[in-house]
Amino acid sequence: MAIDATLPYDDDNIFAKILRGEIPNKTVYEDEHALAFHDINPQAPQHILVIPKGKYVSWDDFSAKASDAEIGGFVRAVGHVAREAGMVEPGYRLLANVGHDSHQEVPHLHVHIFSGKPLGPMLVRG
């Protein structure tokens, strides 16, 4: 179910539980600002999620409230994960959904990294 990205952060969302160690995941990278792990329902041969460790609902929330160190650390983590997974040469796609119309399902900022096959053009249909 899509969420309203303007609502306050929900400490019971699945990514908050993953960050607290309450739900297992297949971690591929972790540092002080970010955690990256394999998506449990992959939409491409390689599908990794990267989440900030701070309590941010969406990209909008993160860009407005996160510190420069958090923003820099998170963006660097996304690049690091893609490089280490060997995604740069064949190519990859980044996706961050925000709010209802984009079908954001978890009220915690997350970036999807897709790779491993030709992904085709991005098409937005009416």
Protein backbone atom coordinates (compact mmCIF):
# COMPACT_ATOMS: atom_id res chain seq x y z
CA MET A 1 0.00 0.00 0.00
CA ALA A 2 1.37 3.39 -0.95
CA ILE A 3 2.12 5.81 1.89
CA ASP A 4 1.75 9.52 2.48
CA ALA A 5 5.31 10.87 2.53
CA THR A 6 4.23 13.99 4.41
CA LEU A 7 3.37 12.07 7.58
CA PRO A 8 5.85 11.85 10.50
CA TYR A 9 8.41 9.05 10.60
CA ASP A 10 6.99 5.70 11.75
CA ASP A 11 9.41 3.86 14.09
CA ASP A 12 7.59 0.59 13.35
CA ASN A 13 8.31 0.52 9.60
CA ILE A 14 10.17 -2.50 8.25
CA PHE A 15 13.42 -0.60 7.57
CA ALA A 16 13.48 0.81 11.11
CA LYS A 17 13.15 -2.77 12.35
CA ILE A 18 15.99 -3.88 10.06
CA LEU A 19 18.19 -1.06 11.37
CA ARG A 20 17.44 -2.16 14.96
CA GLY A 21 18.35 -5.77 14.10
CA GLU A 22 14.80 -7.04 14.66
CA ILE A 23 14.46 -8.34 11.09
CA PRO A 24 17.31 -10.15 9.31
CA ASN A 25 18.63 -8.98 5.96
CA LYS A 26 21.40 -9.82 3.49
CA THR A 27 23.68 -6.86 4.15
CA VAL A 28 26.11 -5.90 1.38
CA TYR A 29 27.40 -2.66 2.92
CA GLU A 30 27.15 -0.71 6.15
CA ASP A 31 28.77 2.41 7.55
CA GLU A 32 27.79 5.16 9.98
CA HIS A 33 25.34 6.75 7.53
CA ALA A 34 23.86 3.93 5.44
CA LEU A 35 22.88 0.29 5.24
CA ALA A 36 22.61 -1.61 1.94
CA PHE A 37 21.01 -5.02 1.51
CA HIS A 38 19.45 -7.28 -1.11
CA ASP A 39 15.76 -6.69 -1.80
CA ILE A 40 13.63 -9.65 -0.68
CA ASN A 41 11.47 -9.27 -3.81
CA PRO A 42 14.01 -8.45 -6.54
CA GLN A 43 12.76 -6.75 -9.70
CA ALA A 44 16.04 -7.32 -11.59
CA PRO A 45 18.85 -9.90 -11.35
CA GLN A 46 20.67 -7.47 -9.06
CA HIS A 47 18.41 -5.40 -6.80
CA ILE A 48 19.93 -3.74 -3.76
CA LEU A 49 18.30 -1.26 -1.40
CA VAL A 50 20.30 1.50 0.29
CA ILE A 51 18.78 3.26 3.29
CA PRO A 52 20.07 6.06 5.48
CA LYS A 53 20.42 5.26 9.16
CA GLY A 54 18.57 8.43 10.13
CA LYS A 55 14.80 8.69 10.50
CA TYR A 56 13.80 10.14 7.13
CA VAL A 57 10.50 9.36 5.41
CA SER A 58 11.44 10.36 1.87
CA TRP A 59 14.00 12.06 -0.37
CA ASP A 60 12.21 15.35 0.30
CA ASP A 61 12.42 14.87 4.08
CA PHE A 62 16.08 13.80 3.86
CA SER A 63 17.19 16.67 1.63
CA ALA A 64 15.46 19.20 3.90
CA LYS A 65 16.54 17.85 7.31
CA ALA A 66 19.67 15.69 7.04
CA SER A 67 23.10 17.07 7.85
CA ASP A 68 25.66 17.61 5.11
CA ALA A 69 27.59 14.62 6.50
CA GLU A 70 24.53 12.38 6.30
CA ILE A 71 23.71 13.48 2.76
CA GLY A 72 27.29 13.07 1.57
CA GLY A 73 27.67 9.73 3.34
CA PHE A 74 24.44 8.37 1.90
CA VAL A 75 25.17 9.44 -1.68
CA ARG A 76 28.70 8.00 -1.42
CA ALA A 77 27.27 4.73 -0.03
CA VAL A 78 24.98 4.36 -3.06
CA GLY A 79 27.93 4.84 -5.43
CA HIS A 80 30.17 2.52 -3.42
CA VAL A 81 27.57 -0.26 -3.43
CA ALA A 82 27.06 0.01 -7.21
CA ARG A 83 30.82 -0.06 -7.85
CA GLU A 84 31.47 -2.99 -5.50
CA ALA A 85 28.60 -4.97 -7.04
CA GLY A 86 30.14 -4.53 -10.52
CA MET A 87 27.21 -2.51 -11.82
CA VAL A 88 29.04 0.48 -13.30
CA GLU A 89 30.35 -1.06 -16.54
CA PRO A 90 27.10 -2.72 -17.67
CA GLY A 91 24.97 0.07 -16.20
CA TYR A 92 22.41 0.41 -13.46
CA ARG A 93 19.28 2.32 -12.52
CA LEU A 94 18.55 4.23 -9.32
CA LEU A 95 14.99 4.70 -8.11
CA ALA A 96 13.65 6.52 -5.07
CA ASN A 97 9.87 6.68 -4.79
CA VAL A 98 8.26 9.53 -2.85
CA GLY A 99 4.66 9.41 -1.77
CA HIS A 100 1.41 7.97 -2.98
CA ASP A 101 1.57 8.65 -6.73
CA SER A 102 5.01 7.01 -7.01
CA HIS A 103 3.79 4.03 -4.95
CA GLN A 104 6.25 4.45 -2.05
CA GLU A 105 5.47 1.49 0.20
CA VAL A 106 7.84 1.98 3.16
CA PRO A 107 7.93 5.29 5.05
CA HIS A 108 11.73 5.33 5.25
CA LEU A 109 13.88 6.82 2.48
CA HIS A 110 15.37 4.09 0.34
CA VAL A 111 17.10 3.95 -3.01
CA HIS A 112 16.72 0.91 -5.24
CA ILE A 113 19.74 -0.05 -7.37
CA PHE A 114 18.77 -2.27 -10.31
CA SER A 115 21.20 -4.04 -12.63
CA GLY A 116 22.02 -7.35 -14.26
CA LYS A 117 19.99 -7.08 -17.48
CA PRO A 118 19.00 -4.42 -20.00
CA LEU A 119 16.38 -2.38 -18.15
CA GLY A 120 14.95 -0.54 -21.13
CA PRO A 121 13.84 3.08 -21.27
CA MET A 122 11.92 4.72 -18.48
CA LEU A 123 8.37 5.26 -19.64
CA VAL A 124 5.73 7.16 -17.75
CA ARG A 125 2.27 6.42 -19.04
CA GLY A 126 -0.76 8.58 -18.32
